[in-house]
């Protein structure tokens, strides 16, 4: 059975680099990001070209049930997740609390806090 590392927030920066490192150590890396299918395809292709194992998954972590569904799919198709990296930022911008609408604050909370709980 293969060890699986799921990275939620596998962009071109920290998340992608962490994925490459886990792949070097023999993990299958399930790279998850909200958008940019082409960038995701390039990232897991680079890992596979270097001899690693990877898959790419588009995920909107704010959608109800999306995280749970993706975890179920990864574990059914690839194997149990041994390591989960939650690398999502709130992505609500740099603004003063007084200038932050409730809807924007709640989205940041759902992504930055509730999402971690859902993964666990």
PDB file of N, CA and C in Angstrom:
ATOM      1  N   UNK A   1       0.852  -1.187   0.000  1.00  0.00           N
ATOM      2  CA  UNK A   1       0.000   0.000   0.000  1.00  0.00           C
ATOM      3  C   UNK A   1       0.890   1.239   0.000  1.00  0.00           C
ATOM      4  N   UNK A   2       0.489   2.235  -0.735  1.00  0.00           N
ATOM      5  CA  UNK A   2       1.257   3.468  -0.882  1.00  0.00           C
ATOM      6  C   UNK A   2       0.882   4.466   0.218  1.00  0.00           C
ATOM      7  N   UNK A   3       1.871   5.209   0.705  1.00  0.00           N
ATOM      8  CA  UNK A   3       1.594   6.307   1.627  1.00  0.00           C
ATOM      9  C   UNK A   3       1.064   7.483   0.824  1.00  0.00           C
ATOM     10  N   UNK A   4       0.054   8.155   1.360  1.00  0.00           N
ATOM     11  CA  UNK A   4      -0.590   9.260   0.654  1.00  0.00           C
ATOM     12  C   UNK A   4      -0.458  10.542   1.468  1.00  0.00           C
ATOM     13  N   UNK A   5      -0.042  11.606   0.785  1.00  0.00           N
ATOM     14  CA  UNK A   5      -0.002  12.948   1.365  1.00  0.00           C
ATOM     15  C   UNK A   5      -0.975  13.812   0.567  1.00  0.00           C
ATOM     16  N   UNK A   6      -2.011  14.312   1.228  1.00  0.00           N
ATOM     17  CA  UNK A   6      -2.977  15.194   0.586  1.00  0.00           C
ATOM     18  C   UNK A   6      -2.617  16.629   0.944  1.00  0.00           C
ATOM     19  N   UNK A   7      -2.482  17.478  -0.074  1.00  0.00           N
ATOM     20  CA  UNK A   7      -2.169  18.879   0.166  1.00  0.00           C
ATOM     21  C   UNK A   7      -3.320  19.721  -0.352  1.00  0.00           C
ATOM     22  N   UNK A   8      -4.020  20.353   0.557  1.00  0.00           N
ATOM     23  CA  UNK A   8      -5.090  21.271   0.189  1.00  0.00           C
ATOM     24  C   UNK A   8      -4.469  22.663   0.179  1.00  0.00           C
ATOM     25  N   UNK A   9      -4.466  23.265  -0.994  1.00  0.00           N
ATOM     26  CA  UNK A   9      -3.786  24.539  -1.180  1.00  0.00           C
ATOM     27  C   UNK A   9      -2.449  24.320  -1.866  1.00  0.00           C
ATOM     28  N   UNK A  10      -2.451  23.461  -2.878  1.00  0.00           N
ATOM     29  CA  UNK A  10      -1.216  23.108  -3.589  1.00  0.00           C
ATOM     30  C   UNK A  10      -1.016  24.045  -4.771  1.00  0.00           C
ATOM     31  N   UNK A  11      -0.687  25.275  -4.466  1.00  0.00           N
ATOM     32  CA  UNK A  11      -0.394  26.248  -5.510  1.00  0.00           C
ATOM     33  C   UNK A  11       1.063  26.175  -5.910  1.00  0.00           C
ATOM     34  N   UNK A  12       1.499  27.177  -6.635  1.00  0.00           N
ATOM     35  CA  UNK A  12       2.872  27.200  -7.150  1.00  0.00           C
ATOM     36  C   UNK A  12       3.896  27.524  -6.063  1.00  0.00           C
ATOM     37  N   UNK A  13       3.457  27.935  -4.895  1.00  0.00           N
ATOM     38  CA  UNK A  13       4.378  28.306  -3.831  1.00  0.00           C
ATOM     39  C   UNK A  13       4.604  27.189  -2.837  1.00  0.00           C
ATOM     40  N   UNK A  14       4.291  27.451  -1.589  1.00  0.00           N
ATOM     41  CA  UNK A  14       4.567  26.524  -0.498  1.00  0.00           C
ATOM     42  C   UNK A  14       3.914  25.161  -0.726  1.00  0.00           C
ATOM     43  N   UNK A  15       2.643  25.131  -1.038  1.00  0.00           N
ATOM     44  CA  UNK A  15       1.932  23.863  -1.197  1.00  0.00           C
ATOM     45  C   UNK A  15       2.546  22.975  -2.262  1.00  0.00           C
ATOM     46  N   UNK A  16       2.879  23.542  -3.416  1.00  0.00           N
ATOM     47  CA  UNK A  16       3.490  22.772  -4.487  1.00  0.00           C
ATOM     48  C   UNK A  16       4.863  22.246  -4.115  1.00  0.00           C
ATOM     49  N   UNK A  17       5.650  23.073  -3.440  1.00  0.00           N
ATOM     50  CA  UNK A  17       6.988  22.644  -3.028  1.00  0.00           C
ATOM     51  C   UNK A  17       6.929  21.550  -1.963  1.00  0.00           C
ATOM     52  N   UNK A  18       5.988  21.649  -1.049  1.00  0.00           N
ATOM     53  CA  UNK A  18       5.815  20.604  -0.042  1.00  0.00           C
ATOM     54  C   UNK A  18       5.425  19.295  -0.728  1.00  0.00           C
ATOM     55  N   UNK A  19       4.555  19.383  -1.723  1.00  0.00           N
ATOM     56  CA  UNK A  19       4.155  18.193  -2.469  1.00  0.00           C
ATOM     57  C   UNK A  19       5.328  17.521  -3.151  1.00  0.00           C
ATOM     58  N   UNK A  20       6.182  18.306  -3.774  1.00  0.00           N
ATOM     59  CA  UNK A  20       7.366  17.748  -4.438  1.00  0.00           C
ATOM     60  C   UNK A  20       8.272  17.050  -3.427  1.00  0.00           C
ATOM     61  N   UNK A  21       8.400  17.620  -2.262  1.00  0.00           N
ATOM     62  CA  UNK A  21       9.273  17.022  -1.241  1.00  0.00           C
ATOM     63  C   UNK A  21       8.707  15.701  -0.744  1.00  0.00           C
ATOM     64  N   UNK A  22       7.407  15.645  -0.489  1.00  0.00           N
ATOM     65  CA  UNK A  22       6.800  14.384  -0.049  1.00  0.00           C
ATOM     66  C   UNK A  22       6.909  13.326  -1.146  1.00  0.00           C
ATOM     67  N   UNK A  23       6.749  13.730  -2.402  1.00  0.00           N
ATOM     68  CA  UNK A  23       6.888  12.783  -3.513  1.00  0.00           C
ATOM     69  C   UNK A  23       8.303  12.208  -3.564  1.00  0.00           C
ATOM     70  N   UNK A  24       9.301  13.027  -3.273  1.00  0.00           N
ATOM     71  CA  UNK A  24      10.686  12.547  -3.248  1.00  0.00           C
ATOM     72  C   UNK A  24      10.882  11.473  -2.175  1.00  0.00           C
ATOM     73  N   UNK A  25      10.079  11.526  -1.133  1.00  0.00           N
ATOM     74  CA  UNK A  25      10.177  10.545  -0.050  1.00  0.00           C
ATOM     75  C   UNK A  25       9.270   9.338  -0.279  1.00  0.00           C
ATOM     76  N   UNK A  26       8.690   9.226  -1.475  1.00  0.00           N
ATOM     77  CA  UNK A  26       7.919   8.043  -1.833  1.00  0.00           C
ATOM     78  C   UNK A  26       6.421   8.119  -1.621  1.00  0.00           C
ATOM     79  N   UNK A  27       5.926   9.252  -1.192  1.00  0.00           N
ATOM     80  CA  UNK A  27       4.474   9.401  -1.011  1.00  0.00           C
ATOM     81  C   UNK A  27       3.794   9.607  -2.360  1.00  0.00           C
ATOM     82  N   UNK A  28       2.564   9.127  -2.473  1.00  0.00           N
ATOM     83  CA  UNK A  28       1.696   9.592  -3.551  1.00  0.00           C
ATOM     84  C   UNK A  28       1.158  10.922  -3.048  1.00  0.00           C
ATOM     85  N   UNK A  29       1.278  11.947  -3.856  1.00  0.00           N
ATOM     86  CA  UNK A  29       0.851  13.281  -3.441  1.00  0.00           C
ATOM     87  C   UNK A  29      -0.448  13.641  -4.158  1.00  0.00           C
ATOM     88  N   UNK A  30      -1.501  13.862  -3.378  1.00  0.00           N
ATOM     89  CA  UNK A  30      -2.789  14.303  -3.911  1.00  0.00           C
ATOM     90  C   UNK A  30      -2.820  15.826  -3.790  1.00  0.00           C
ATOM     91  N   UNK A  31      -2.567  16.492  -4.898  1.00  0.00           N
ATOM     92  CA  UNK A  31      -2.494  17.950  -4.937  1.00  0.00           C
ATOM     93  C   UNK A  31      -3.892  18.518  -5.156  1.00  0.00           C
ATOM     94  N   UNK A  32      -4.330  19.389  -4.271  1.00  0.00           N
ATOM     95  CA  UNK A  32      -5.679  19.953  -4.339  1.00  0.00           C
ATOM     96  C   UNK A  32      -5.589  21.468  -4.380  1.00  0.00           C
ATOM     97  N   UNK A  33      -6.283  22.054  -5.338  1.00  0.00           N
ATOM     98  CA  UNK A  33      -6.344  23.514  -5.405  1.00  0.00           C
ATOM     99  C   UNK A  33      -7.692  23.933  -5.961  1.00  0.00           C
ATOM    100  N   UNK A  34      -8.021  25.188  -5.740  1.00  0.00           N
ATOM    101  CA  UNK A  34      -9.353  25.701  -6.085  1.00  0.00           C
ATOM    102  C   UNK A  34      -9.553  25.900  -7.580  1.00  0.00           C
ATOM    103  N   UNK A  35      -8.502  26.284  -8.280  1.00  0.00           N
ATOM    104  CA  UNK A  35      -8.651  26.606  -9.702  1.00  0.00           C
ATOM    105  C   UNK A  35      -7.322  26.372 -10.414  1.00  0.00           C
ATOM    106  N   UNK A  36      -7.261  26.720 -11.671  1.00  0.00           N
ATOM    107  CA  UNK A  36      -6.065  26.620 -12.510  1.00  0.00           C
ATOM    108  C   UNK A  36      -5.704  25.165 -12.793  1.00  0.00           C
ATOM    109  N   UNK A  37      -6.578  24.506 -13.539  1.00  0.00           N
ATOM    110  CA  UNK A  37      -6.349  23.107 -13.915  1.00  0.00           C
ATOM    111  C   UNK A  37      -5.024  22.942 -14.651  1.00  0.00           C
ATOM    112  N   UNK A  38      -4.676  23.903 -15.522  1.00  0.00           N
ATOM    113  CA  UNK A  38      -3.414  23.801 -16.261  1.00  0.00           C
ATOM    114  C   UNK A  38      -2.214  23.814 -15.312  1.00  0.00           C
ATOM    115  N   UNK A  39      -2.228  24.709 -14.336  1.00  0.00           N
ATOM    116  CA  UNK A  39      -1.146  24.764 -13.360  1.00  0.00           C
ATOM    117  C   UNK A  39      -1.075  23.489 -12.527  1.00  0.00           C
ATOM    118  N   UNK A  40      -2.225  22.965 -12.177  1.00  0.00           N
ATOM    119  CA  UNK A  40      -2.287  21.719 -11.424  1.00  0.00           C
ATOM    120  C   UNK A  40      -1.724  20.565 -12.249  1.00  0.00           C
ATOM    121  N   UNK A  41      -2.106  20.505 -13.519  1.00  0.00           N
ATOM    122  CA  UNK A  41      -1.595  19.460 -14.417  1.00  0.00           C
ATOM    123  C   UNK A  41      -0.077  19.540 -14.547  1.00  0.00           C
ATOM    124  N   UNK A  42       0.449  20.755 -14.685  1.00  0.00           N
ATOM    125  CA  UNK A  42       1.904  20.926 -14.787  1.00  0.00           C
ATOM    126  C   UNK A  42       2.607  20.438 -13.524  1.00  0.00           C
ATOM    127  N   UNK A  43       2.010  20.755 -12.373  1.00  0.00           N
ATOM    128  CA  UNK A  43       2.637  20.405 -11.108  1.00  0.00           C
ATOM    129  C   UNK A  43       2.722  18.889 -10.934  1.00  0.00           C
ATOM    130  N   UNK A  44       1.613  18.172 -11.169  1.00  0.00           N
ATOM    131  CA  UNK A  44       1.717  16.736 -10.953  1.00  0.00           C
ATOM    132  C   UNK A  44       2.480  16.056 -12.073  1.00  0.00           C
ATOM    133  N   UNK A  45       2.518  16.658 -13.256  1.00  0.00           N
ATOM    134  CA  UNK A  45       3.363  16.125 -14.334  1.00  0.00           C
ATOM    135  C   UNK A  45       4.846  16.250 -13.985  1.00  0.00           C
ATOM    136  N   UNK A  46       5.238  17.359 -13.372  1.00  0.00           N
ATOM    137  CA  UNK A  46       6.625  17.546 -12.932  1.00  0.00           C
ATOM    138  C   UNK A  46       7.013  16.501 -11.891  1.00  0.00           C
ATOM    139  N   UNK A  47       6.108  16.220 -10.977  1.00  0.00           N
ATOM    140  CA  UNK A  47       6.378  15.223  -9.942  1.00  0.00           C
ATOM    141  C   UNK A  47       6.552  13.850 -10.577  1.00  0.00           C
ATOM    142  N   UNK A  48       5.654  13.511 -11.497  1.00  0.00           N
ATOM    143  CA  UNK A  48       5.750  12.208 -12.159  1.00  0.00           C
ATOM    144  C   UNK A  48       6.996  12.109 -13.038  1.00  0.00           C
ATOM    145  N   UNK A  49       7.375  13.202 -13.697  1.00  0.00           N
ATOM    146  CA  UNK A  49       8.575  13.196 -14.535  1.00  0.00           C
ATOM    147  C   UNK A  49       9.834  12.979 -13.700  1.00  0.00           C
ATOM    148  N   UNK A  50       9.790  13.386 -12.430  1.00  0.00           N
ATOM    149  CA  UNK A  50      10.925  13.201 -11.526  1.00  0.00           C
ATOM    150  C   UNK A  50      10.880  11.828 -10.842  1.00  0.00           C
ATOM    151  N   UNK A  51       9.927  10.983 -11.241  1.00  0.00           N
ATOM    152  CA  UNK A  51       9.831   9.637 -10.687  1.00  0.00           C
ATOM    153  C   UNK A  51       8.864   9.491  -9.536  1.00  0.00           C
ATOM    154  N   UNK A  52       8.136  10.549  -9.207  1.00  0.00           N
ATOM    155  CA  UNK A  52       7.180  10.497  -8.107  1.00  0.00           C
ATOM    156  C   UNK A  52       5.801  10.093  -8.570  1.00  0.00           C
ATOM    157  N   UNK A  53       4.892  10.013  -7.644  1.00  0.00           N
ATOM    158  CA  UNK A  53       3.507   9.650  -7.909  1.00  0.00           C
ATOM    159  C   UNK A  53       2.616  10.782  -7.412  1.00  0.00           C
ATOM    160  N   UNK A  54       1.714  11.242  -8.277  1.00  0.00           N
ATOM    161  CA  UNK A  54       0.857  12.373  -7.892  1.00  0.00           C
ATOM    162  C   UNK A  54      -0.461  12.315  -8.640  1.00  0.00           C
ATOM    163  N   UNK A  55      -1.426  13.018  -8.098  1.00  0.00           N
ATOM    164  CA  UNK A  55      -2.710  13.236  -8.767  1.00  0.00           C
ATOM    165  C   UNK A  55      -3.138  14.657  -8.476  1.00  0.00           C
ATOM    166  N   UNK A  56      -3.962  15.216  -9.337  1.00  0.00           N
ATOM    167  CA  UNK A  56      -4.434  16.584  -9.166  1.00  0.00           C
ATOM    168  C   UNK A  56      -5.933  16.624  -8.994  1.00  0.00           C
ATOM    169  N   UNK A  57      -6.382  17.475  -8.095  1.00  0.00           N
ATOM    170  CA  UNK A  57      -7.806  17.557  -7.769  1.00  0.00           C
ATOM    171  C   UNK A  57      -8.213  19.016  -7.615  1.00  0.00           C
ATOM    172  N   UNK A  58      -9.254  19.420  -8.333  1.00  0.00           N
ATOM    173  CA  UNK A  58      -9.816  20.755  -8.144  1.00  0.00           C
ATOM    174  C   UNK A  58     -10.785  20.677  -6.969  1.00  0.00           C
ATOM    175  N   UNK A  59     -10.638  21.603  -6.024  1.00  0.00           N
ATOM    176  CA  UNK A  59     -11.437  21.583  -4.802  1.00  0.00           C
ATOM    177  C   UNK A  59     -11.772  23.002  -4.373  1.00  0.00           C
ATOM    178  N   UNK A  60     -13.038  23.284  -4.198  1.00  0.00           N
ATOM    179  CA  UNK A  60     -13.444  24.533  -3.564  1.00  0.00           C
ATOM    180  C   UNK A  60     -13.778  24.194  -2.119  1.00  0.00           C
ATOM    181  N   UNK A  61     -12.832  24.442  -1.223  1.00  0.00           N
ATOM    182  CA  UNK A  61     -12.964  24.050   0.177  1.00  0.00           C
ATOM    183  C   UNK A  61     -14.123  24.743   0.879  1.00  0.00           C
ATOM    184  N   UNK A  62     -14.641  25.812   0.308  1.00  0.00           N
ATOM    185  CA  UNK A  62     -15.768  26.508   0.927  1.00  0.00           C
ATOM    186  C   UNK A  62     -17.098  25.815   0.640  1.00  0.00           C
ATOM    187  N   UNK A  63     -17.123  24.945  -0.362  1.00  0.00           N
ATOM    188  CA  UNK A  63     -18.366  24.247  -0.697  1.00  0.00           C
ATOM    189  C   UNK A  63     -18.669  23.174   0.344  1.00  0.00           C
ATOM    190  N   UNK A  64     -19.911  23.151   0.798  1.00  0.00           N
ATOM    191  CA  UNK A  64     -20.328  22.187   1.804  1.00  0.00           C
ATOM    192  C   UNK A  64     -20.141  20.749   1.295  1.00  0.00           C
ATOM    193  N   UNK A  65     -19.447  19.956   2.064  1.00  0.00           N
ATOM    194  CA  UNK A  65     -19.245  18.551   1.740  1.00  0.00           C
ATOM    195  C   UNK A  65     -18.132  18.260   0.758  1.00  0.00           C
ATOM    196  N   UNK A  66     -17.548  19.296   0.146  1.00  0.00           N
ATOM    197  CA  UNK A  66     -16.537  19.066  -0.893  1.00  0.00           C
ATOM    198  C   UNK A  66     -15.263  18.432  -0.332  1.00  0.00           C
ATOM    199  N   UNK A  67     -14.802  18.881   0.814  1.00  0.00           N
ATOM    200  CA  UNK A  67     -13.596  18.322   1.422  1.00  0.00           C
ATOM    201  C   UNK A  67     -13.828  16.860   1.777  1.00  0.00           C
ATOM    202  N   UNK A  68     -14.928  16.585   2.423  1.00  0.00           N
ATOM    203  CA  UNK A  68     -15.235  15.230   2.855  1.00  0.00           C
ATOM    204  C   UNK A  68     -15.355  14.276   1.656  1.00  0.00           C
ATOM    205  N   UNK A  69     -16.000  14.750   0.601  1.00  0.00           N
ATOM    206  CA  UNK A  69     -16.164  13.930  -0.601  1.00  0.00           C
ATOM    207  C   UNK A  69     -14.808  13.630  -1.239  1.00  0.00           C
ATOM    208  N   UNK A  70     -13.952  14.640  -1.321  1.00  0.00           N
ATOM    209  CA  UNK A  70     -12.641  14.438  -1.918  1.00  0.00           C
ATOM    210  C   UNK A  70     -11.799  13.463  -1.093  1.00  0.00           C
ATOM    211  N   UNK A  71     -11.838  13.582   0.218  1.00  0.00           N
ATOM    212  CA  UNK A  71     -11.099  12.645   1.075  1.00  0.00           C
ATOM    213  C   UNK A  71     -11.584  11.219   0.841  1.00  0.00           C
ATOM    214  N   UNK A  72     -12.894  11.039   0.779  1.00  0.00           N
ATOM    215  CA  UNK A  72     -13.449   9.706   0.520  1.00  0.00           C
ATOM    216  C   UNK A  72     -12.966   9.169  -0.830  1.00  0.00           C
ATOM    217  N   UNK A  73     -12.950  10.027  -1.857  1.00  0.00           N
ATOM    218  CA  UNK A  73     -12.514   9.599  -3.188  1.00  0.00           C
ATOM    219  C   UNK A  73     -11.031   9.226  -3.198  1.00  0.00           C
ATOM    220  N   UNK A  74     -10.193  10.044  -2.590  1.00  0.00           N
ATOM    221  CA  UNK A  74      -8.755   9.765  -2.549  1.00  0.00           C
ATOM    222  C   UNK A  74      -8.497   8.450  -1.828  1.00  0.00           C
ATOM    223  N   UNK A  75      -9.153   8.257  -0.687  1.00  0.00           N
ATOM    224  CA  UNK A  75      -8.918   7.039   0.079  1.00  0.00           C
ATOM    225  C   UNK A  75      -9.461   5.805  -0.632  1.00  0.00           C
ATOM    226  N   UNK A  76     -10.545   5.935  -1.379  1.00  0.00           N
ATOM    227  CA  UNK A  76     -11.094   4.803  -2.128  1.00  0.00           C
ATOM    228  C   UNK A  76     -10.244   4.481  -3.352  1.00  0.00           C
ATOM    229  N   UNK A  77      -9.755   5.515  -4.043  1.00  0.00           N
ATOM    230  CA  UNK A  77      -9.039   5.312  -5.304  1.00  0.00           C
ATOM    231  C   UNK A  77      -7.539   5.084  -5.132  1.00  0.00           C
ATOM    232  N   UNK A  78      -6.938   5.690  -4.110  1.00  0.00           N
ATOM    233  CA  UNK A  78      -5.478   5.670  -3.974  1.00  0.00           C
ATOM    234  C   UNK A  78      -5.045   4.937  -2.710  1.00  0.00           C
ATOM    235  N   UNK A  79      -5.624   5.283  -1.588  1.00  0.00           N
ATOM    236  CA  UNK A  79      -5.285   4.658  -0.312  1.00  0.00           C
ATOM    237  C   UNK A  79      -5.511   5.621   0.828  1.00  0.00           C
ATOM    238  N   UNK A  80      -5.358   5.130   2.059  1.00  0.00           N
ATOM    239  CA  UNK A  80      -5.562   5.984   3.234  1.00  0.00           C
ATOM    240  C   UNK A  80      -4.595   7.167   3.234  1.00  0.00           C
ATOM    241  N   UNK A  81      -5.088   8.298   3.664  1.00  0.00           N
ATOM    242  CA  UNK A  81      -4.265   9.508   3.742  1.00  0.00           C
ATOM    243  C   UNK A  81      -3.457   9.440   5.031  1.00  0.00           C
ATOM    244  N   UNK A  82      -2.123   9.437   4.878  1.00  0.00           N
ATOM    245  CA  UNK A  82      -1.221   9.386   6.026  1.00  0.00           C
ATOM    246  C   UNK A  82      -0.864  10.772   6.532  1.00  0.00           C
ATOM    247  N   UNK A  83      -0.789  11.736   5.603  1.00  0.00           N
ATOM    248  CA  UNK A  83      -0.404  13.106   5.944  1.00  0.00           C
ATOM    249  C   UNK A  83      -1.373  14.049   5.235  1.00  0.00           C
ATOM    250  N   UNK A  84      -1.889  15.018   5.974  1.00  0.00           N
ATOM    251  CA  UNK A  84      -2.729  16.061   5.384  1.00  0.00           C
ATOM    252  C   UNK A  84      -2.085  17.408   5.664  1.00  0.00           C
ATOM    253  N   UNK A  85      -1.875  18.173   4.608  1.00  0.00           N
ATOM    254  CA  UNK A  85      -1.315  19.515   4.724  1.00  0.00           C
ATOM    255  C   UNK A  85      -2.417  20.487   4.326  1.00  0.00           C
ATOM    256  N   UNK A  86      -2.778  21.365   5.249  1.00  0.00           N
ATOM    257  CA  UNK A  86      -3.837  22.348   4.982  1.00  0.00           C
ATOM    258  C   UNK A  86      -3.171  23.705   4.804  1.00  0.00           C
ATOM    259  N   UNK A  87      -3.046  24.128   3.562  1.00  0.00           N
ATOM    260  CA  UNK A  87      -2.263  25.308   3.216  1.00  0.00           C
ATOM    261  C   UNK A  87      -3.144  26.390   2.585  1.00  0.00           C
ATOM    262  N   UNK A  88      -4.332  26.553   3.100  1.00  0.00           N
ATOM    263  CA  UNK A  88      -5.219  27.577   2.548  1.00  0.00           C
ATOM    264  C   UNK A  88      -5.137  28.849   3.373  1.00  0.00           C
ATOM    265  N   UNK A  89      -5.088  29.953   2.669  1.00  0.00           N
ATOM    266  CA  UNK A  89      -5.193  31.254   3.311  1.00  0.00           C
ATOM    267  C   UNK A  89      -6.632  31.706   3.230  1.00  0.00           C
ATOM    268  N   UNK A  90      -6.958  32.694   3.978  1.00  0.00           N
ATOM    269  CA  UNK A  90      -8.333  33.187   3.969  1.00  0.00           C
ATOM    270  C   UNK A  90      -8.680  33.847   2.644  1.00  0.00           C
ATOM    271  N   UNK A  91      -7.702  34.402   1.963  1.00  0.00           N
ATOM    272  CA  UNK A  91      -7.894  35.048   0.670  1.00  0.00           C
ATOM    273  C   UNK A  91      -9.013  36.087   0.683  1.00  0.00           C
ATOM    274  N   UNK A  92      -9.054  36.840   1.764  1.00  0.00           N
ATOM    275  CA  UNK A  92     -10.078  37.875   1.865  1.00  0.00           C
ATOM    276  C   UNK A  92      -9.484  39.269   1.767  1.00  0.00           C
ATOM    277  N   UNK A  93      -8.177  39.336   1.551  1.00  0.00           N
ATOM    278  CA  UNK A  93      -7.539  40.629   1.383  1.00  0.00           C
ATOM    279  C   UNK A  93      -6.997  41.179   2.685  1.00  0.00           C
ATOM    280  N   UNK A  94      -6.205  42.205   2.555  1.00  0.00           N
ATOM    281  CA  UNK A  94      -5.579  42.855   3.698  1.00  0.00           C
ATOM    282  C   UNK A  94      -6.376  44.115   4.005  1.00  0.00           C
ATOM    283  N   UNK A  95      -7.230  44.035   5.001  1.00  0.00           N
ATOM    284  CA  UNK A  95      -8.082  45.183   5.347  1.00  0.00           C
ATOM    285  C   UNK A  95      -8.307  45.216   6.847  1.00  0.00           C
ATOM    286  N   UNK A  96      -8.663  46.362   7.318  1.00  0.00           N
ATOM    287  CA  UNK A  96      -8.972  46.512   8.738  1.00  0.00           C
ATOM    288  C   UNK A  96     -10.261  45.756   9.057  1.00  0.00           C
ATOM    289  N   UNK A  97     -10.356  45.245  10.270  1.00  0.00           N
ATOM    290  CA  UNK A  97     -11.545  44.527  10.690  1.00  0.00           C
ATOM    291  C   UNK A  97     -12.803  45.379  10.507  1.00  0.00           C
ATOM    292  N   UNK A  98     -12.713  46.651  10.823  1.00  0.00           N
ATOM    293  CA  UNK A  98     -13.870  47.539  10.686  1.00  0.00           C
ATOM    294  C   UNK A  98     -14.325  47.682   9.233  1.00  0.00           C
ATOM    295  N   UNK A  99     -13.419  47.409   8.279  1.00  0.00           N
ATOM    296  CA  UNK A  99     -13.751  47.520   6.855  1.00  0.00           C
ATOM    297  C   UNK A  99     -14.081  46.169   6.226  1.00  0.00           C
ATOM    298  N   UNK A 100     -14.221  45.144   7.045  1.00  0.00           N
ATOM    299  CA  UNK A 100     -14.475  43.794   6.535  1.00  0.00           C
ATOM    300  C   UNK A 100     -15.950  43.458   6.691  1.00  0.00           C
ATOM    301  N   UNK A 101     -16.648  43.254   5.580  1.00  0.00           N
ATOM    302  CA  UNK A 101     -18.059  42.861   5.672  1.00  0.00           C
ATOM    303  C   UNK A 101     -18.196  41.484   6.336  1.00  0.00           C
ATOM    304  N   UNK A 102     -19.301  41.250   7.010  1.00  0.00           N
ATOM    305  CA  UNK A 102     -19.551  39.987   7.693  1.00  0.00           C
ATOM    306  C   UNK A 102     -19.425  38.800   6.732  1.00  0.00           C
ATOM    307  N   UNK A 103     -19.961  38.932   5.538  1.00  0.00           N
ATOM    308  CA  UNK A 103     -19.904  37.835   4.558  1.00  0.00           C
ATOM    309  C   UNK A 103     -18.452  37.478   4.224  1.00  0.00           C
ATOM    310  N   UNK A 104     -17.603  38.478   4.071  1.00  0.00           N
ATOM    311  CA  UNK A 104     -16.190  38.250   3.765  1.00  0.00           C
ATOM    312  C   UNK A 104     -15.486  37.612   4.955  1.00  0.00           C
ATOM    313  N   UNK A 105     -15.759  38.095   6.165  1.00  0.00           N
ATOM    314  CA  UNK A 105     -15.172  37.520   7.366  1.00  0.00           C
ATOM    315  C   UNK A 105     -15.580  36.062   7.515  1.00  0.00           C
ATOM    316  N   UNK A 106     -16.864  35.782   7.286  1.00  0.00           N
ATOM    317  CA  UNK A 106     -17.341  34.407   7.428  1.00  0.00           C
ATOM    318  C   UNK A 106     -16.679  33.487   6.407  1.00  0.00           C
ATOM    319  N   UNK A 107     -16.480  33.952   5.183  1.00  0.00           N
ATOM    320  CA  UNK A 107     -15.797  33.145   4.181  1.00  0.00           C
ATOM    321  C   UNK A 107     -14.370  32.837   4.633  1.00  0.00           C
ATOM    322  N   UNK A 108     -13.668  33.826   5.142  1.00  0.00           N
ATOM    323  CA  UNK A 108     -12.317  33.604   5.651  1.00  0.00           C
ATOM    324  C   UNK A 108     -12.294  32.609   6.795  1.00  0.00           C
ATOM    325  N   UNK A 109     -13.276  32.694   7.686  1.00  0.00           N
ATOM    326  CA  UNK A 109     -13.378  31.753   8.792  1.00  0.00           C
ATOM    327  C   UNK A 109     -13.668  30.346   8.288  1.00  0.00           C
ATOM    328  N   UNK A 110     -14.588  30.235   7.322  1.00  0.00           N
ATOM    329  CA  UNK A 110     -14.938  28.917   6.777  1.00  0.00           C
ATOM    330  C   UNK A 110     -13.729  28.263   6.124  1.00  0.00           C
ATOM    331  N   UNK A 111     -12.950  29.034   5.387  1.00  0.00           N
ATOM    332  CA  UNK A 111     -11.793  28.486   4.687  1.00  0.00           C
ATOM    333  C   UNK A 111     -10.647  28.226   5.667  1.00  0.00           C
ATOM    334  N   UNK A 112     -10.348  29.200   6.516  1.00  0.00           N
ATOM    335  CA  UNK A 112      -9.167  29.119   7.367  1.00  0.00           C
ATOM    336  C   UNK A 112      -9.318  28.281   8.618  1.00  0.00           C
ATOM    337  N   UNK A 113     -10.522  28.142   9.137  1.00  0.00           N
ATOM    338  CA  UNK A 113     -10.718  27.427  10.399  1.00  0.00           C
ATOM    339  C   UNK A 113     -11.631  26.215  10.272  1.00  0.00           C
ATOM    340  N   UNK A 114     -12.815  26.419   9.758  1.00  0.00           N
ATOM    341  CA  UNK A 114     -13.763  25.318   9.635  1.00  0.00           C
ATOM    342  C   UNK A 114     -13.224  24.238   8.694  1.00  0.00           C
ATOM    343  N   UNK A 115     -12.497  24.646   7.656  1.00  0.00           N
ATOM    344  CA  UNK A 115     -11.938  23.681   6.720  1.00  0.00           C
ATOM    345  C   UNK A 115     -10.974  22.710   7.382  1.00  0.00           C
ATOM    346  N   UNK A 116     -10.144  23.208   8.282  1.00  0.00           N
ATOM    347  CA  UNK A 116      -9.203  22.341   9.011  1.00  0.00           C
ATOM    348  C   UNK A 116      -9.980  21.327   9.854  1.00  0.00           C
ATOM    349  N   UNK A 117     -11.012  21.799  10.509  1.00  0.00           N
ATOM    350  CA  UNK A 117     -11.860  20.911  11.308  1.00  0.00           C
ATOM    351  C   UNK A 117     -12.464  19.822  10.425  1.00  0.00           C
ATOM    352  N   UNK A 118     -12.933  20.188   9.254  1.00  0.00           N
ATOM    353  CA  UNK A 118     -13.549  19.226   8.337  1.00  0.00           C
ATOM    354  C   UNK A 118     -12.539  18.185   7.861  1.00  0.00           C
ATOM    355  N   UNK A 119     -11.313  18.588   7.609  1.00  0.00           N
ATOM    356  CA  UNK A 119     -10.278  17.628   7.213  1.00  0.00           C
ATOM    357  C   UNK A 119     -10.030  16.641   8.354  1.00  0.00           C
ATOM    358  N   UNK A 120      -9.907  17.178   9.572  1.00  0.00           N
ATOM    359  CA  UNK A 120      -9.620  16.315  10.729  1.00  0.00           C
ATOM    360  C   UNK A 120     -10.763  15.368  10.980  1.00  0.00           C
TER     361      UNK A 120
END
